[in-house]
Amino acid sequence: MTRTQRKNFIREIKGSMGRFLSILLISALGVGFFTGLSATEPDMKDTVDEYLDAQDFMDIRVISTLGLTDGDVSEIAAAEGVEDAEGIWSGFFLTEADENEYVVQVLTRTERLSRVHVVEGRAPEASGECMLDTLFAQIYGLGIGDSITLSSGTDDDISDSLAVDTFTVTGLGWTPYYLAFDRDTAQIGSGKTDLFIVISPEDAVSDVYTQVYVTAADVKDLGCFDDDYEEAVDRVQDRIEELEAERCAVRWDEVYTQGQQEIEDAKQELLDARAELDDAAEELADARSQLDEAAQELASGREELDNSRSRLNSARRQLDDARAQLDAGRAELDDTAARLAEARAELDEAAPQLEADYKE
């Protein structure tokens, strides 16, 4: 730069000092933000990684449309490169708050992996207890001791999925499954999950898991955003996927066998019901026959009773006639006795005269 150019620059700056300072400050502010964000990104990643490690957050999530059994969990845990595996059950339900309907994701409590972070109170320990989503609790003023009542949101009875439908809040907290405010999609209600609750495993009626949490070995020292971490987890995931065909076939056989057994049991119940129906029909026919015989006997008895009543009425009439004749005979006898008494009285009066006449 020549001396003349330098003088021109200085002259232009002095002539528009306000604009120069504004541009300088804007540039400095932009550089400062960029520098701060550049320095913050590693810190944010480290903070997230430390939080997930503290909660033993899963590295891999295994799901299945037919559900996962304890046998599946054992096979996954035994796969090369797997450090731990734990099954969990989850489902979507509806609840009401402030006369509005919300979608609830219900998660069973885990003991080792992806543990919940309790902010206030405690995690659920017994049936009918739950830990409530802190964000939802803050928005709607819910707290420990309040109750959450769920409904299935479908034609299915909620008892098919949960042992109870009302849960008492024992704690408020977060789950590492949700690091942001967004929740999962749902097939009921609005189609979007509004909150989650964590319940005791005993309140889940299902005998299978909906998903299995898996942690990979020797990756805890790696950052969860590092390429080395992703490569290590991918290797473990590939080994788990090798189990898919075998475990799906085993699960299919279990479901098929169980379904066939239920069909056979239903058929047997149908046969038993038909046999009971045939026995009942035979008993009904016997009862009808007995009823017909009883009706015939009743008709015969009624006819005999009518004849007996007719004979009784005839005998009563004869008795009445005999009584009338007897009364008439008694009256005639009384008249004869009266005349005889009069005749005797007259004879007694005439006797002295007759005796005197006889003596003369």
Protein backbone atom coordinates (compact mmCIF):
# COMPACT_ATOMS: atom_id res chain seq x y z
CA MET A 1 0.00 0.00 0.00
CA THR A 2 1.43 3.35 -1.02
CA ARG A 3 1.67 6.38 1.18
CA THR A 4 -1.01 8.13 -0.86
CA GLN A 5 -3.47 5.22 -0.48
CA ARG A 6 -2.84 5.14 3.27
CA LYS A 7 -3.60 8.85 3.52
CA ASN A 8 -6.82 8.39 1.51
CA PHE A 9 -7.96 5.57 3.83
CA ILE A 10 -7.29 7.64 6.92
CA ARG A 11 -9.06 10.61 5.40
CA GLU A 12 -12.18 8.49 4.50
CA ILE A 13 -12.28 6.97 7.98
CA LYS A 14 -12.07 10.36 9.63
CA GLY A 15 -14.75 11.67 7.29
CA SER A 16 -17.20 8.83 8.23
CA MET A 17 -16.11 7.87 11.72
CA GLY A 18 -19.66 6.87 12.88
CA ARG A 19 -20.19 4.43 10.00
CA PHE A 20 -16.70 3.01 10.47
CA LEU A 21 -17.24 2.40 14.18
CA SER A 22 -20.66 0.76 13.51
CA ILE A 23 -19.16 -1.62 10.97
CA LEU A 24 -16.28 -2.32 13.32
CA LEU A 25 -18.60 -3.13 16.23
CA ILE A 26 -20.90 -5.31 14.11
CA SER A 27 -17.91 -7.25 12.79
CA ALA A 28 -16.51 -7.61 16.31
CA LEU A 29 -19.89 -8.79 17.62
CA GLY A 30 -20.23 -11.37 14.83
CA VAL A 31 -16.72 -12.64 15.41
CA GLY A 32 -17.41 -12.79 19.13
CA PHE A 33 -20.61 -14.85 18.63
CA PHE A 34 -18.87 -17.15 16.19
CA THR A 35 -15.93 -17.61 18.54
CA GLY A 36 -18.27 -18.23 21.48
CA LEU A 37 -20.37 -20.79 19.60
CA SER A 38 -17.25 -22.48 18.31
CA ALA A 39 -15.96 -22.75 21.86
CA THR A 40 -19.39 -23.74 23.27
CA GLU A 41 -20.08 -26.63 20.92
CA PRO A 42 -17.45 -28.96 22.45
CA ASP A 43 -18.62 -28.01 25.95
CA MET A 44 -22.26 -28.74 25.06
CA LYS A 45 -21.31 -32.08 23.56
CA ASP A 46 -19.25 -32.94 26.63
CA THR A 47 -22.14 -31.96 28.92
CA VAL A 48 -24.60 -34.15 27.02
CA ASP A 49 -22.12 -37.03 26.96
CA GLU A 50 -21.52 -36.78 30.71
CA TYR A 51 -25.28 -36.66 31.40
CA LEU A 52 -25.97 -39.71 29.24
CA ASP A 53 -23.09 -41.61 30.82
CA ALA A 54 -24.37 -40.73 34.30
CA GLN A 55 -27.80 -42.15 33.42
CA ASP A 56 -26.27 -45.19 31.64
CA PHE A 57 -28.15 -44.23 28.51
CA MET A 58 -28.59 -46.93 25.89
CA ASP A 59 -26.37 -47.10 22.84
CA ILE A 60 -28.79 -49.26 20.83
CA ARG A 61 -32.56 -49.75 21.02
CA VAL A 62 -33.98 -53.05 19.79
CA ILE A 63 -37.69 -53.24 18.90
CA SER A 64 -39.94 -55.94 17.48
CA THR A 65 -43.52 -56.03 16.18
CA LEU A 66 -44.10 -59.34 17.99
CA GLY A 67 -42.54 -58.17 21.25
CA LEU A 68 -39.31 -59.26 22.89
CA THR A 69 -38.94 -61.98 25.51
CA ASP A 70 -36.49 -62.65 28.32
CA GLY A 71 -34.84 -65.13 25.95
CA ASP A 72 -34.27 -62.34 23.44
CA VAL A 73 -32.75 -60.16 26.15
CA SER A 74 -30.41 -62.98 27.18
CA GLU A 75 -29.30 -63.62 23.60
CA ILE A 76 -28.68 -59.93 22.98
CA ALA A 77 -26.74 -59.58 26.24
CA ALA A 78 -24.57 -62.53 25.23
CA ALA A 79 -23.70 -61.04 21.83
CA GLU A 80 -20.08 -59.99 21.29
CA GLY A 81 -19.44 -56.39 22.21
CA VAL A 82 -22.59 -55.98 24.32
CA GLU A 83 -21.99 -54.74 27.83
CA ASP A 84 -25.58 -54.93 29.13
CA ALA A 85 -29.16 -55.34 27.91
CA GLU A 86 -32.45 -54.60 29.68
CA GLY A 87 -36.06 -54.99 28.51
CA ILE A 88 -38.67 -52.27 28.89
CA TRP A 89 -42.39 -52.03 28.17
CA SER A 90 -44.03 -48.86 26.83
CA GLY A 91 -47.43 -47.84 25.51
CA PHE A 92 -49.52 -44.81 24.60
CA PHE A 93 -52.67 -43.74 26.44
CA LEU A 94 -54.87 -40.68 26.95
CA THR A 95 -55.42 -38.45 29.98
CA GLU A 96 -57.33 -35.23 30.65
CA ALA A 97 -56.14 -31.98 32.21
CA ASP A 98 -57.97 -28.64 32.21
CA GLU A 99 -60.74 -30.28 30.15
CA ASN A 100 -58.24 -31.07 27.38
CA GLU A 101 -57.07 -34.47 26.17
CA TYR A 102 -53.37 -35.35 26.10
CA VAL A 103 -51.35 -38.32 24.83
CA VAL A 104 -49.29 -40.05 27.51
CA GLN A 105 -46.35 -42.36 26.85
CA VAL A 106 -46.10 -44.86 29.68
CA LEU A 107 -42.63 -46.32 30.36
CA THR A 108 -41.76 -49.02 32.86
CA ARG A 109 -38.96 -48.23 35.31
CA THR A 110 -35.54 -49.58 34.42
CA GLU A 111 -33.00 -50.71 36.98
CA ARG A 112 -29.73 -50.29 35.07
CA LEU A 113 -30.00 -48.64 31.65
CA SER A 114 -31.48 -45.26 30.66
CA ARG A 115 -32.40 -44.56 34.28
CA VAL A 116 -34.75 -41.66 34.95
CA HIS A 117 -33.45 -38.45 36.50
CA VAL A 118 -35.65 -37.67 39.52
CA VAL A 119 -35.83 -33.92 40.19
CA GLU A 120 -38.29 -34.03 43.09
CA GLY A 121 -39.70 -36.90 45.17
CA ARG A 122 -38.83 -40.46 44.20
CA ALA A 123 -39.22 -42.98 41.42
CA PRO A 124 -42.22 -45.36 41.53
CA GLU A 125 -41.70 -48.36 43.78
CA ALA A 126 -45.14 -49.98 44.09
CA SER A 127 -48.21 -50.60 41.97
CA GLY A 128 -50.25 -47.49 41.22
CA GLU A 129 -47.29 -45.08 41.54
CA CYS A 130 -45.63 -43.04 38.80
CA MET A 131 -43.00 -40.42 38.11
CA LEU A 132 -44.40 -37.54 36.07
CA ASP A 133 -42.80 -35.50 33.28
CA THR A 134 -41.45 -32.35 34.99
CA LEU A 135 -42.28 -30.10 32.03
CA PHE A 136 -45.94 -31.17 31.98
CA ALA A 137 -46.16 -30.86 35.76
CA GLN A 138 -44.85 -27.30 35.64
CA ILE A 139 -47.25 -26.25 32.89
CA TYR A 140 -50.39 -27.67 34.53
CA GLY A 141 -49.48 -27.17 38.17
CA LEU A 142 -49.31 -30.85 39.08
CA GLY A 143 -47.20 -32.16 41.92
CA ILE A 144 -46.45 -35.06 44.22
CA GLY A 145 -49.61 -36.64 45.57
CA ASP A 146 -51.76 -35.77 42.53
CA SER A 147 -53.35 -38.50 40.43
CA ILE A 148 -53.21 -39.28 36.71
CA THR A 149 -56.09 -41.33 35.22
CA LEU A 150 -55.52 -43.00 31.86
CA SER A 151 -57.80 -44.36 29.15
CA SER A 152 -56.87 -46.60 26.23
CA GLY A 153 -57.89 -44.18 23.48
CA THR A 154 -59.12 -47.18 21.45
CA ASP A 155 -61.87 -49.78 21.66
CA ASP A 156 -59.56 -52.00 23.73
CA ASP A 157 -60.02 -52.15 27.49
CA ILE A 158 -57.14 -50.52 29.35
CA SER A 159 -57.01 -53.57 31.64
CA ASP A 160 -55.56 -55.48 28.67
CA SER A 161 -52.41 -53.35 29.01
CA LEU A 162 -52.24 -51.98 32.57
CA ALA A 163 -53.08 -53.47 35.96
CA VAL A 164 -54.50 -50.12 37.13
CA ASP A 165 -55.70 -47.01 35.29
CA THR A 166 -55.05 -44.38 37.99
CA PHE A 167 -51.54 -43.53 39.21
CA THR A 168 -50.39 -41.38 42.12
CA VAL A 169 -47.47 -39.07 41.39
CA THR A 170 -44.54 -39.88 43.70
CA GLY A 171 -41.91 -37.90 41.85
CA LEU A 172 -41.13 -35.44 39.08
CA GLY A 173 -38.24 -35.83 36.69
CA TRP A 174 -36.79 -36.38 33.25
CA THR A 175 -35.82 -39.34 31.18
CA PRO A 176 -32.64 -39.31 29.07
CA TYR A 177 -34.81 -40.75 26.29
CA TYR A 178 -36.07 -37.17 25.76
CA LEU A 179 -33.30 -34.57 25.71
CA ALA A 180 -35.52 -31.94 24.04
CA PHE A 181 -39.10 -30.78 24.47
CA ASP A 182 -40.29 -32.81 21.48
CA ARG A 183 -41.82 -36.23 22.19
CA ASP A 184 -42.58 -39.33 20.10
CA THR A 185 -45.41 -39.62 17.62
CA ALA A 186 -48.46 -41.66 18.66
CA GLN A 187 -51.26 -43.53 16.91
CA ILE A 188 -53.98 -42.17 19.21
CA GLY A 189 -55.28 -38.74 20.15
CA SER A 190 -53.54 -35.86 18.37
CA GLY A 191 -50.83 -38.16 17.05
CA LYS A 192 -48.14 -36.47 19.14
CA THR A 193 -46.97 -37.44 22.62
CA ASP A 194 -47.55 -34.63 25.11
CA LEU A 195 -45.98 -36.14 28.24
CA PHE A 196 -44.52 -39.30 29.71
CA ILE A 197 -44.89 -41.12 33.01
CA VAL A 198 -42.71 -43.88 34.45
CA ILE A 199 -44.47 -46.74 36.28
CA SER A 200 -43.44 -49.92 38.10
CA PRO A 201 -42.92 -52.96 35.84
CA GLU A 202 -45.56 -54.88 37.80
CA ASP A 203 -48.28 -52.55 36.46
CA ALA A 204 -47.61 -53.66 32.87
CA VAL A 205 -49.87 -56.62 32.08
CA SER A 206 -47.87 -57.71 29.02
CA ASP A 207 -45.54 -60.68 29.40
CA VAL A 208 -43.19 -59.37 26.68
CA TYR A 209 -41.13 -56.22 26.24
CA THR A 210 -41.76 -53.63 23.55
CA GLN A 211 -38.06 -52.74 23.32
CA VAL A 212 -34.66 -53.66 24.70
CA TYR A 213 -32.03 -51.11 25.74
CA VAL A 214 -28.47 -52.14 24.89
CA THR A 215 -25.11 -50.65 25.88
CA ALA A 216 -21.92 -51.43 24.00
CA ALA A 217 -18.73 -52.39 25.80
CA ASP A 218 -15.71 -50.09 25.94
CA VAL A 219 -17.44 -47.01 24.53
CA LYS A 220 -18.08 -45.01 27.68
CA ASP A 221 -14.80 -43.19 27.36
CA LEU A 222 -15.70 -42.14 23.82
CA GLY A 223 -17.75 -39.05 23.12
CA CYS A 224 -21.25 -39.90 21.93
CA PHE A 225 -20.79 -37.51 18.98
CA ASP A 226 -17.42 -38.91 17.93
CA ASP A 227 -16.93 -41.01 14.82
CA ASP A 228 -15.09 -43.66 16.85
CA TYR A 229 -18.16 -44.06 19.05
CA GLU A 230 -20.52 -44.44 16.09
CA GLU A 231 -18.23 -46.99 14.44
CA ALA A 232 -17.97 -49.06 17.65
CA VAL A 233 -21.74 -49.00 18.16
CA ASP A 234 -22.36 -49.89 14.51
CA ARG A 235 -20.20 -53.00 14.90
CA VAL A 236 -22.23 -54.12 17.91
CA GLN A 237 -25.45 -53.34 16.08
CA ASP A 238 -24.35 -55.54 13.17
CA ARG A 239 -23.78 -58.45 15.57
CA ILE A 240 -27.22 -57.95 17.12
CA GLU A 241 -28.81 -57.85 13.67
CA GLU A 242 -27.24 -61.25 12.98
CA LEU A 243 -29.53 -62.61 15.71
CA GLU A 244 -32.63 -61.20 14.04
CA ALA A 245 -33.58 -64.10 11.79
CA GLU A 246 -33.10 -66.76 14.47
CA ARG A 247 -34.82 -64.85 17.27
CA CYS A 248 -37.71 -63.78 15.02
CA ALA A 249 -38.24 -67.41 14.02
CA VAL A 250 -38.23 -68.47 17.68
CA ARG A 251 -40.65 -65.71 18.59
CA TRP A 252 -42.88 -66.57 15.63
CA ASP A 253 -42.97 -70.21 16.72
CA GLU A 254 -43.90 -69.11 20.26
CA VAL A 255 -46.67 -66.86 19.04
CA TYR A 256 -47.87 -69.45 16.51
CA THR A 257 -47.79 -72.25 19.07
CA GLN A 258 -49.56 -70.10 21.61
CA GLY A 259 -52.15 -69.11 19.02
CA GLN A 260 -52.66 -72.71 17.95
CA GLN A 261 -53.02 -73.78 21.57
CA GLU A 262 -55.58 -71.05 22.14
CA ILE A 263 -57.44 -72.22 19.01
CA GLU A 264 -57.36 -75.84 20.21
CA ASP A 265 -58.53 -74.77 23.65
CA ALA A 266 -61.32 -72.76 22.06
CA LYS A 267 -62.31 -75.74 19.90
CA GLN A 268 -62.36 -77.99 22.93
CA GLU A 269 -64.42 -75.45 24.82
CA LEU A 270 -66.79 -75.33 21.85
CA LEU A 271 -67.08 -79.13 21.81
CA ASP A 272 -67.67 -79.17 25.55
CA ALA A 273 -70.26 -76.44 25.17
CA ARG A 274 -71.99 -78.38 22.39
CA ALA A 275 -71.98 -81.53 24.53
CA GLU A 276 -73.43 -79.56 27.42
CA LEU A 277 -75.98 -78.10 25.02
CA ASP A 278 -76.94 -81.59 23.80
CA ASP A 279 -77.26 -82.78 27.39
CA ALA A 280 -79.33 -79.75 28.21
CA ALA A 281 -81.52 -80.38 25.13
CA GLU A 282 -82.02 -84.01 26.23
CA GLU A 283 -82.84 -82.90 29.74
CA LEU A 284 -85.25 -80.35 28.28
CA ALA A 285 -86.93 -83.06 26.18
CA ASP A 286 -87.25 -85.27 29.27
CA ALA A 287 -88.59 -82.34 31.21
CA ARG A 288 -91.11 -81.62 28.44
CA SER A 289 -92.20 -85.28 28.43
CA GLN A 290 -92.60 -85.21 32.19
CA LEU A 291 -94.45 -81.94 31.86
CA ASP A 292 -96.79 -83.45 29.26
CA GLU A 293 -97.43 -86.46 31.52
CA ALA A 294 -98.01 -84.18 34.44
CA ALA A 295 -100.38 -82.09 32.33
CA GLN A 296 -102.28 -85.24 31.33
CA GLU A 297 -102.42 -86.38 34.94
CA LEU A 298 -103.59 -82.93 35.90
CA ALA A 299 -106.34 -83.07 33.26
CA SER A 300 -107.40 -86.53 34.49
CA GLY A 301 -107.32 -85.30 38.05
CA ARG A 302 -109.37 -82.28 37.13
CA GLU A 303 -111.93 -84.53 35.36
CA GLU A 304 -112.08 -86.86 38.35
CA LEU A 305 -112.38 -83.86 40.62
CA ASP A 306 -115.24 -82.52 38.53
CA ASN A 307 -116.98 -85.95 38.71
CA SER A 308 -116.39 -86.08 42.43
CA ARG A 309 -117.79 -82.61 42.80
CA SER A 310 -120.87 -83.65 40.74
CA ARG A 311 -121.35 -86.74 42.91
CA LEU A 312 -120.87 -84.65 46.00
CA ASN A 313 -123.44 -82.13 44.84
CA SER A 314 -125.90 -84.97 44.07
CA ALA A 315 -125.31 -86.50 47.50
CA ARG A 316 -125.76 -83.09 49.08
CA ARG A 317 -129.09 -82.72 47.26
CA GLN A 318 -130.15 -86.18 48.41
CA LEU A 319 -129.11 -85.31 51.94
CA ASP A 320 -131.07 -82.10 51.76
CA ASP A 321 -134.15 -84.04 50.53
CA ALA A 322 -133.72 -86.60 53.32
CA ARG A 323 -133.39 -83.80 55.85
CA ALA A 324 -136.56 -82.24 54.47
CA GLN A 325 -138.41 -85.56 54.72
CA LEU A 326 -137.07 -86.08 58.22
CA ASP A 327 -138.20 -82.62 59.23
CA ALA A 328 -141.65 -83.34 57.75
CA GLY A 329 -141.83 -86.70 59.57
CA ARG A 330 -140.81 -85.05 62.80
CA ALA A 331 -143.50 -82.44 62.36
CA GLU A 332 -146.14 -85.13 61.65
CA LEU A 333 -144.95 -87.13 64.66
CA ASP A 334 -145.19 -84.04 66.81
CA ASP A 335 -148.77 -83.51 65.58
CA THR A 336 -149.67 -87.16 66.28
CA ALA A 337 -148.08 -86.96 69.74
CA ALA A 338 -150.06 -83.81 70.43
CA ARG A 339 -153.33 -85.45 69.35
CA LEU A 340 -152.48 -88.51 71.42
CA ALA A 341 -151.86 -86.32 74.45
CA GLU A 342 -155.20 -84.60 73.91
CA ALA A 343 -156.91 -87.98 73.56
CA ARG A 344 -155.30 -89.17 76.77
CA ALA A 345 -156.39 -86.02 78.55
CA GLU A 346 -159.94 -86.52 77.32
CA LEU A 347 -159.81 -90.17 78.42
CA ASP A 348 -158.54 -89.18 81.83
CA GLU A 349 -161.42 -86.72 82.17
CA ALA A 350 -163.96 -89.32 80.99
CA ALA A 351 -162.59 -92.15 83.11
CA PRO A 352 -164.41 -91.26 86.42
CA GLN A 353 -167.74 -90.96 84.63
CA LEU A 354 -167.19 -94.20 82.81
CA GLU A 355 -166.30 -95.94 86.05
CA ALA A 356 -169.44 -94.58 87.74
CA ASP A 357 -171.61 -95.69 84.88
CA TYR A 358 -170.05 -99.11 85.02
CA LYS A 359 -170.87 -99.50 88.73
CA GLU A 360 -174.52 -98.71 88.29
